[in-house]
N, C-alpha and C. Protein backbone atom coordinates (compact mmCIF):
# COMPACT_ATOMS: atom_id res chain seq x y z
N MET A 1 0.82 -1.19 0.00
CA MET A 1 0.00 0.00 0.00
C MET A 1 0.87 1.26 0.00
N GLN A 2 1.98 1.20 0.72
CA GLN A 2 2.89 2.34 0.80
C GLN A 2 3.48 2.64 -0.58
N TYR A 3 3.80 1.59 -1.35
CA TYR A 3 4.35 1.79 -2.68
C TYR A 3 3.34 2.44 -3.60
N ILE A 4 2.09 2.03 -3.49
CA ILE A 4 1.04 2.61 -4.34
C ILE A 4 0.88 4.09 -4.04
N LYS A 5 0.90 4.45 -2.75
CA LYS A 5 0.80 5.86 -2.37
C LYS A 5 1.98 6.65 -2.93
N ALA A 6 3.18 6.08 -2.85
CA ALA A 6 4.36 6.77 -3.36
C ALA A 6 4.28 6.96 -4.87
N ILE A 7 3.79 5.95 -5.58
CA ILE A 7 3.67 6.06 -7.04
C ILE A 7 2.62 7.10 -7.41
N VAL A 8 1.47 7.09 -6.73
CA VAL A 8 0.42 8.07 -7.01
C VAL A 8 0.92 9.48 -6.71
N PHE A 9 1.60 9.66 -5.58
CA PHE A 9 2.15 10.96 -5.24
C PHE A 9 3.15 11.42 -6.30
N PHE A 10 4.00 10.50 -6.76
CA PHE A 10 4.99 10.85 -7.78
C PHE A 10 4.31 11.24 -9.09
N LEU A 11 3.25 10.51 -9.47
CA LEU A 11 2.52 10.84 -10.70
C LEU A 11 1.89 12.23 -10.61
N ILE A 12 1.33 12.56 -9.46
CA ILE A 12 0.76 13.90 -9.27
C ILE A 12 1.86 14.95 -9.37
N LEU A 13 2.97 14.69 -8.71
CA LEU A 13 4.10 15.62 -8.75
C LEU A 13 4.64 15.76 -10.18
N MET A 14 4.69 14.64 -10.91
CA MET A 14 5.17 14.66 -12.28
C MET A 14 4.23 15.50 -13.17
N THR A 15 2.94 15.38 -12.95
CA THR A 15 1.97 16.17 -13.71
C THR A 15 2.13 17.65 -13.39
N LEU A 16 2.34 17.95 -12.11
CA LEU A 16 2.52 19.34 -11.70
C LEU A 16 3.78 19.93 -12.34
N VAL A 17 4.86 19.20 -12.34
CA VAL A 17 6.11 19.68 -12.95
C VAL A 17 5.91 19.87 -14.46
N GLY A 18 5.21 18.95 -15.08
CA GLY A 18 4.94 19.07 -16.52
C GLY A 18 4.11 20.30 -16.84
N GLN A 19 3.16 20.63 -15.97
CA GLN A 19 2.33 21.81 -16.19
C GLN A 19 3.10 23.11 -15.94
N LEU A 20 4.05 23.07 -15.02
CA LEU A 20 4.83 24.27 -14.72
C LEU A 20 5.86 24.58 -15.79
N CYS A 21 6.20 23.60 -16.58
CA CYS A 21 7.16 23.80 -17.65
C CYS A 21 6.53 24.70 -18.71
N GLN A 22 7.16 25.85 -18.99
CA GLN A 22 6.57 26.86 -19.85
C GLN A 22 6.50 26.45 -21.32
N GLY A 23 7.64 26.15 -21.90
CA GLY A 23 7.65 25.88 -23.33
C GLY A 23 7.70 24.40 -23.64
N ASP A 24 7.52 24.11 -24.91
CA ASP A 24 7.59 22.72 -25.36
C ASP A 24 9.04 22.27 -25.53
N LYS A 25 9.96 23.18 -25.36
CA LYS A 25 11.37 22.88 -25.60
C LYS A 25 11.91 21.86 -24.58
N TYR A 26 11.55 21.99 -23.31
CA TYR A 26 12.11 21.14 -22.26
C TYR A 26 11.21 19.99 -21.84
N LYS A 27 9.96 19.96 -22.32
CA LYS A 27 9.02 18.91 -21.91
C LYS A 27 9.51 17.50 -22.22
N PRO A 28 10.10 17.23 -23.40
CA PRO A 28 10.57 15.86 -23.63
C PRO A 28 11.66 15.42 -22.65
N TYR A 29 12.54 16.36 -22.27
CA TYR A 29 13.60 16.03 -21.32
C TYR A 29 13.03 15.77 -19.92
N ILE A 30 12.09 16.60 -19.54
CA ILE A 30 11.46 16.42 -18.23
C ILE A 30 10.71 15.08 -18.19
N ARG A 31 10.00 14.76 -19.28
CA ARG A 31 9.30 13.47 -19.35
C ARG A 31 10.28 12.30 -19.28
N LEU A 32 11.41 12.43 -19.96
CA LEU A 32 12.41 11.36 -19.94
C LEU A 32 12.95 11.14 -18.53
N VAL A 33 13.35 12.22 -17.85
CA VAL A 33 13.91 12.10 -16.51
C VAL A 33 12.87 11.58 -15.52
N THR A 34 11.67 12.15 -15.56
CA THR A 34 10.63 11.69 -14.64
C THR A 34 10.18 10.27 -14.96
N GLY A 35 10.24 9.91 -16.22
CA GLY A 35 9.91 8.54 -16.60
C GLY A 35 10.89 7.53 -16.02
N PHE A 36 12.19 7.88 -16.07
CA PHE A 36 13.19 7.01 -15.45
C PHE A 36 13.01 6.93 -13.94
N MET A 37 12.68 8.07 -13.34
CA MET A 37 12.44 8.08 -11.90
C MET A 37 11.23 7.22 -11.54
N LEU A 38 10.18 7.30 -12.34
CA LEU A 38 8.99 6.48 -12.12
C LEU A 38 9.31 5.00 -12.28
N LEU A 39 10.11 4.69 -13.28
CA LEU A 39 10.52 3.30 -13.50
C LEU A 39 11.30 2.77 -12.30
N ALA A 40 12.22 3.57 -11.78
CA ALA A 40 12.98 3.16 -10.60
C ALA A 40 12.07 2.99 -9.39
N LEU A 41 11.10 3.86 -9.25
CA LEU A 41 10.14 3.78 -8.15
C LEU A 41 9.28 2.52 -8.26
N MET A 42 8.92 2.15 -9.49
CA MET A 42 8.09 0.97 -9.69
C MET A 42 8.88 -0.33 -9.56
N MET A 43 10.19 -0.28 -9.71
CA MET A 43 11.01 -1.48 -9.58
C MET A 43 11.22 -1.88 -8.12
N LYS A 44 11.05 -0.95 -7.20
CA LYS A 44 11.24 -1.24 -5.78
C LYS A 44 10.32 -2.37 -5.29
N PRO A 45 9.02 -2.31 -5.53
CA PRO A 45 8.17 -3.42 -5.07
C PRO A 45 8.45 -4.72 -5.81
N VAL A 46 8.86 -4.63 -7.07
CA VAL A 46 9.19 -5.84 -7.82
C VAL A 46 10.41 -6.51 -7.20
N ALA A 47 11.42 -5.72 -6.85
CA ALA A 47 12.61 -6.26 -6.20
C ALA A 47 12.27 -6.83 -4.84
N TYR A 48 11.33 -6.19 -4.13
CA TYR A 48 10.91 -6.69 -2.82
C TYR A 48 10.20 -8.04 -2.95
N VAL A 49 9.31 -8.16 -3.93
CA VAL A 49 8.59 -9.40 -4.14
C VAL A 49 9.53 -10.52 -4.56
N MET A 50 10.51 -10.20 -5.38
CA MET A 50 11.46 -11.20 -5.83
C MET A 50 12.54 -11.46 -4.78
N ASN A 51 12.46 -10.73 -3.66
CA ASN A 51 13.41 -10.90 -2.55
C ASN A 51 14.84 -10.63 -2.99
N LEU A 52 15.02 -9.58 -3.77
CA LEU A 52 16.35 -9.19 -4.22
C LEU A 52 16.90 -8.10 -3.32
N GLY A 53 18.13 -8.27 -2.92
CA GLY A 53 18.81 -7.27 -2.11
C GLY A 53 19.90 -6.60 -2.92
N PRO A 54 20.60 -5.65 -2.32
CA PRO A 54 21.67 -4.96 -3.04
C PRO A 54 22.78 -5.91 -3.50
N GLU A 55 23.06 -6.95 -2.70
CA GLU A 55 24.12 -7.88 -3.10
C GLU A 55 23.71 -8.69 -4.33
N ASP A 56 22.40 -8.96 -4.49
CA ASP A 56 21.94 -9.67 -5.67
C ASP A 56 22.08 -8.81 -6.92
N ILE A 57 21.80 -7.53 -6.76
CA ILE A 57 21.89 -6.63 -7.91
C ILE A 57 23.34 -6.52 -8.37
N THR A 58 24.30 -6.52 -7.44
CA THR A 58 25.70 -6.47 -7.85
C THR A 58 26.11 -7.77 -8.54
N VAL A 59 25.54 -8.89 -8.12
CA VAL A 59 25.83 -10.16 -8.80
C VAL A 59 25.34 -10.10 -10.24
N PHE A 60 24.12 -9.58 -10.44
CA PHE A 60 23.59 -9.48 -11.80
C PHE A 60 24.34 -8.46 -12.64
N SER A 61 24.82 -7.39 -12.02
CA SER A 61 25.59 -6.41 -12.79
C SER A 61 26.95 -6.99 -13.17
N ASN A 62 27.52 -7.87 -12.32
CA ASN A 62 28.78 -8.52 -12.68
C ASN A 62 28.59 -9.48 -13.84
N MET A 63 27.41 -10.05 -13.97
CA MET A 63 27.14 -10.95 -15.07
C MET A 63 27.25 -10.21 -16.41
N ALA A 64 26.81 -8.96 -16.41
CA ALA A 64 26.87 -8.18 -17.63
C ALA A 64 28.30 -7.75 -17.96
N SER A 65 29.18 -7.76 -16.97
CA SER A 65 30.54 -7.29 -17.21
C SER A 65 31.45 -8.37 -17.79
N GLY A 66 30.90 -9.52 -18.16
CA GLY A 66 31.68 -10.53 -18.85
C GLY A 66 32.31 -11.57 -17.96
N SER A 67 31.78 -11.78 -16.77
CA SER A 67 32.34 -12.82 -15.91
C SER A 67 31.90 -14.19 -16.41
N THR A 68 32.66 -15.20 -16.06
CA THR A 68 32.35 -16.55 -16.53
C THR A 68 31.15 -17.09 -15.78
N GLU A 69 30.57 -18.15 -16.32
CA GLU A 69 29.37 -18.73 -15.72
C GLU A 69 29.66 -19.31 -14.35
N SER A 70 30.81 -19.94 -14.18
CA SER A 70 31.14 -20.54 -12.89
C SER A 70 31.35 -19.48 -11.82
N SER A 71 32.01 -18.37 -12.17
CA SER A 71 32.20 -17.31 -11.17
C SER A 71 30.87 -16.64 -10.85
N PHE A 72 30.00 -16.49 -11.85
CA PHE A 72 28.68 -15.93 -11.59
C PHE A 72 27.89 -16.83 -10.67
N ARG A 73 27.94 -18.15 -10.91
CA ARG A 73 27.19 -19.10 -10.08
C ARG A 73 27.71 -19.08 -8.64
N SER A 74 29.03 -19.03 -8.47
CA SER A 74 29.58 -19.02 -7.11
C SER A 74 29.20 -17.73 -6.38
N LYS A 75 29.20 -16.60 -7.09
CA LYS A 75 28.79 -15.34 -6.46
C LYS A 75 27.31 -15.37 -6.11
N ALA A 76 26.50 -15.96 -6.98
CA ALA A 76 25.08 -16.07 -6.70
C ALA A 76 24.82 -16.97 -5.50
N VAL A 77 25.56 -18.07 -5.38
CA VAL A 77 25.41 -18.98 -4.24
C VAL A 77 25.84 -18.27 -2.95
N ASP A 78 26.94 -17.52 -3.00
CA ASP A 78 27.38 -16.77 -1.82
C ASP A 78 26.34 -15.73 -1.41
N SER A 79 25.75 -15.08 -2.39
CA SER A 79 24.71 -14.10 -2.11
C SER A 79 23.50 -14.78 -1.47
N TYR A 80 23.13 -15.93 -1.98
CA TYR A 80 21.99 -16.70 -1.44
C TYR A 80 22.27 -17.09 0.01
N LYS A 81 23.49 -17.57 0.27
CA LYS A 81 23.85 -17.99 1.62
C LYS A 81 23.79 -16.82 2.60
N SER A 82 24.35 -15.69 2.21
CA SER A 82 24.35 -14.54 3.13
C SER A 82 22.93 -14.03 3.37
N ARG A 83 22.09 -14.05 2.32
CA ARG A 83 20.70 -13.62 2.48
C ARG A 83 19.95 -14.55 3.43
N GLU A 84 20.16 -15.86 3.30
CA GLU A 84 19.49 -16.82 4.18
C GLU A 84 20.00 -16.70 5.61
N GLU A 85 21.29 -16.44 5.79
CA GLU A 85 21.83 -16.26 7.14
C GLU A 85 21.19 -15.05 7.81
N LYS A 86 21.05 -13.96 7.07
CA LYS A 86 20.39 -12.77 7.62
C LYS A 86 18.93 -13.06 7.93
N LYS A 87 18.28 -13.82 7.05
CA LYS A 87 16.87 -14.16 7.26
C LYS A 87 16.70 -15.01 8.52
N ILE A 88 17.59 -15.96 8.74
CA ILE A 88 17.51 -16.82 9.93
C ILE A 88 17.70 -15.98 11.19
N LYS A 89 18.64 -15.04 11.16
CA LYS A 89 18.84 -14.17 12.32
C LYS A 89 17.59 -13.35 12.61
N LYS A 90 16.92 -12.86 11.56
CA LYS A 90 15.69 -12.10 11.74
C LYS A 90 14.58 -12.97 12.31
N ILE A 91 14.46 -14.19 11.78
CA ILE A 91 13.42 -15.10 12.26
C ILE A 91 13.63 -15.40 13.73
N LEU A 92 14.86 -15.71 14.10
CA LEU A 92 15.15 -16.03 15.50
C LEU A 92 14.97 -14.80 16.38
N ALA A 93 15.30 -13.63 15.88
CA ALA A 93 15.11 -12.39 16.65
C ALA A 93 13.63 -12.14 16.91
N SER A 94 12.78 -12.52 15.97
CA SER A 94 11.34 -12.35 16.18
C SER A 94 10.82 -13.25 17.30
N TYR A 95 11.53 -14.33 17.59
CA TYR A 95 11.20 -15.22 18.71
C TYR A 95 12.03 -14.88 19.95
N LYS A 96 12.69 -13.72 19.93
CA LYS A 96 13.53 -13.24 21.03
C LYS A 96 14.68 -14.19 21.34
N ILE A 97 15.27 -14.74 20.28
CA ILE A 97 16.45 -15.59 20.40
C ILE A 97 17.59 -14.85 19.70
N GLU A 98 18.66 -14.62 20.44
CA GLU A 98 19.79 -13.91 19.85
C GLU A 98 20.81 -14.92 19.33
N ALA A 99 20.94 -14.99 18.04
CA ALA A 99 21.91 -15.88 17.41
C ALA A 99 23.22 -15.12 17.24
N GLU A 100 24.27 -15.64 17.87
CA GLU A 100 25.57 -14.99 17.76
C GLU A 100 26.17 -15.19 16.38
N GLU A 101 25.98 -16.39 15.84
CA GLU A 101 26.56 -16.71 14.54
C GLU A 101 25.64 -17.70 13.83
N VAL A 102 25.43 -17.48 12.54
CA VAL A 102 24.62 -18.39 11.72
C VAL A 102 25.42 -18.73 10.48
N GLU A 103 25.46 -20.02 10.17
CA GLU A 103 26.15 -20.46 8.96
C GLU A 103 25.23 -21.41 8.20
N VAL A 104 25.13 -21.19 6.91
CA VAL A 104 24.27 -21.99 6.06
C VAL A 104 25.13 -22.67 5.00
N ASP A 105 24.97 -23.98 4.88
CA ASP A 105 25.62 -24.73 3.80
C ASP A 105 24.54 -25.09 2.79
N VAL A 106 24.90 -24.98 1.50
CA VAL A 106 23.91 -25.24 0.46
C VAL A 106 24.39 -26.35 -0.46
N ASP A 107 23.42 -26.98 -1.08
CA ASP A 107 23.68 -28.00 -2.10
C ASP A 107 23.33 -27.37 -3.44
N ASP A 108 24.35 -27.01 -4.20
CA ASP A 108 24.11 -26.36 -5.49
C ASP A 108 24.44 -27.26 -6.68
N THR A 109 24.43 -28.56 -6.45
CA THR A 109 24.72 -29.48 -7.55
C THR A 109 23.52 -29.63 -8.48
N LYS A 110 22.33 -29.37 -7.98
CA LYS A 110 21.11 -29.46 -8.79
C LYS A 110 20.86 -28.12 -9.46
N ASP A 111 19.82 -28.07 -10.25
CA ASP A 111 19.46 -26.81 -10.90
C ASP A 111 19.05 -25.76 -9.88
N GLU A 112 18.35 -26.21 -8.83
CA GLU A 112 17.88 -25.29 -7.82
C GLU A 112 18.73 -25.44 -6.56
N THR A 113 19.21 -24.35 -6.03
CA THR A 113 20.04 -24.38 -4.83
C THR A 113 19.16 -24.62 -3.61
N GLU A 114 19.57 -25.59 -2.77
CA GLU A 114 18.81 -25.92 -1.58
C GLU A 114 19.71 -25.85 -0.35
N ILE A 115 19.12 -25.54 0.78
CA ILE A 115 19.87 -25.51 2.04
C ILE A 115 20.07 -26.95 2.50
N SER A 116 21.33 -27.31 2.74
CA SER A 116 21.62 -28.68 3.18
C SER A 116 21.89 -28.74 4.68
N GLU A 117 22.44 -27.69 5.26
CA GLU A 117 22.76 -27.71 6.69
C GLU A 117 22.74 -26.29 7.25
N ILE A 118 22.26 -26.18 8.49
CA ILE A 118 22.21 -24.89 9.17
C ILE A 118 22.92 -25.05 10.51
N SER A 119 23.87 -24.16 10.78
CA SER A 119 24.58 -24.14 12.06
C SER A 119 24.32 -22.81 12.74
N VAL A 120 23.85 -22.88 13.99
CA VAL A 120 23.51 -21.68 14.74
C VAL A 120 24.26 -21.71 16.06
N LYS A 121 24.88 -20.58 16.40
CA LYS A 121 25.58 -20.45 17.68
C LYS A 121 24.76 -19.50 18.55
N VAL A 122 24.28 -20.02 19.70
CA VAL A 122 23.47 -19.24 20.61
C VAL A 122 24.18 -19.13 21.96
N LYS A 123 23.69 -18.24 22.82
CA LYS A 123 24.33 -18.03 24.12
C LYS A 123 24.13 -19.22 25.05
N ASN A 124 22.90 -19.71 25.13
CA ASN A 124 22.60 -20.79 26.05
C ASN A 124 21.93 -21.92 25.27
N GLU A 125 22.71 -22.93 24.95
CA GLU A 125 22.21 -24.03 24.12
C GLU A 125 21.10 -24.81 24.82
N LYS A 126 21.21 -25.01 26.12
CA LYS A 126 20.22 -25.80 26.84
C LYS A 126 18.85 -25.14 26.84
N LEU A 127 18.82 -23.81 27.03
CA LEU A 127 17.54 -23.11 27.08
C LEU A 127 16.96 -22.85 25.70
N GLU A 128 17.80 -22.47 24.76
CA GLU A 128 17.30 -22.02 23.47
C GLU A 128 17.46 -23.04 22.34
N GLY A 129 18.23 -24.10 22.57
CA GLY A 129 18.53 -25.06 21.51
C GLY A 129 17.29 -25.71 20.91
N LYS A 130 16.41 -26.20 21.75
CA LYS A 130 15.21 -26.88 21.26
C LYS A 130 14.27 -25.91 20.55
N LYS A 131 14.17 -24.71 21.10
CA LYS A 131 13.32 -23.70 20.49
C LYS A 131 13.84 -23.30 19.10
N VAL A 132 15.17 -23.17 18.98
CA VAL A 132 15.78 -22.81 17.69
C VAL A 132 15.50 -23.92 16.67
N LYS A 133 15.68 -25.18 17.08
CA LYS A 133 15.42 -26.29 16.16
C LYS A 133 13.97 -26.31 15.71
N THR A 134 13.06 -26.09 16.63
CA THR A 134 11.63 -26.09 16.30
C THR A 134 11.30 -24.98 15.31
N VAL A 135 11.83 -23.80 15.57
CA VAL A 135 11.56 -22.66 14.69
C VAL A 135 12.11 -22.93 13.29
N LEU A 136 13.35 -23.42 13.20
CA LEU A 136 13.97 -23.64 11.89
C LEU A 136 13.33 -24.82 11.16
N LEU A 137 12.89 -25.85 11.90
CA LEU A 137 12.21 -26.97 11.26
C LEU A 137 10.87 -26.53 10.67
N ASN A 138 10.18 -25.63 11.35
CA ASN A 138 8.91 -25.14 10.84
C ASN A 138 9.08 -24.23 9.63
N PHE A 139 10.21 -23.56 9.56
CA PHE A 139 10.40 -22.59 8.48
C PHE A 139 11.10 -23.18 7.26
N TYR A 140 12.09 -24.06 7.50
CA TYR A 140 12.86 -24.63 6.40
C TYR A 140 12.58 -26.13 6.29
N ASN A 141 12.69 -26.65 5.11
CA ASN A 141 12.47 -28.08 4.87
C ASN A 141 13.81 -28.81 4.94
N VAL A 142 14.36 -28.89 6.16
CA VAL A 142 15.66 -29.51 6.39
C VAL A 142 15.48 -30.57 7.47
N ASP A 143 16.18 -31.70 7.34
CA ASP A 143 16.12 -32.73 8.38
C ASP A 143 16.62 -32.16 9.70
N GLU A 144 16.09 -32.69 10.79
CA GLU A 144 16.49 -32.24 12.11
C GLU A 144 17.97 -32.50 12.36
N SER A 145 18.49 -33.56 11.77
CA SER A 145 19.91 -33.88 11.96
C SER A 145 20.83 -32.90 11.24
N HIS A 146 20.27 -32.09 10.34
CA HIS A 146 21.08 -31.13 9.59
C HIS A 146 21.01 -29.72 10.20
N ILE A 147 20.42 -29.62 11.38
CA ILE A 147 20.38 -28.34 12.10
C ILE A 147 21.27 -28.50 13.32
N ASN A 148 22.37 -27.78 13.34
CA ASN A 148 23.34 -27.88 14.42
C ASN A 148 23.27 -26.63 15.30
N ILE A 149 23.09 -26.86 16.60
CA ILE A 149 23.05 -25.77 17.56
C ILE A 149 24.26 -25.89 18.46
N SER A 150 25.00 -24.81 18.63
CA SER A 150 26.17 -24.83 19.51
C SER A 150 26.15 -23.61 20.42
N GLU A 151 26.98 -23.67 21.42
CA GLU A 151 27.04 -22.58 22.40
C GLU A 151 28.31 -21.79 22.22
């Protein structure tokens, strides 16, 4: 809803700027610049839905710079791992569990990258260990034996 409000506000502002422009000489340039700004504004929710972060965008920009397929794949896997580690920390924080360190191992031998193992370091393994396993089992489709909790 916030994105829709921002886009509507920008369209109104764009119309106002277009009306304030006196001659026809600068209108195409103003339309071009505001059009690019509108496009950038509209890409924000698309990137959010696709769960793309700044590190993903740099991976895709490196692809255009002529990097090899294997280096692109390794950068994409590293980006995926770091994004999942941040996501796990957020999930655990929502349950008031402070994860000191999170490490994700992935299986990228298939077409689709899957999480193969999750290692979480918490302050008190006895109190929080079972809760962490339950939360991660409910969220990720990983065997219980592949979730390692340490202190």
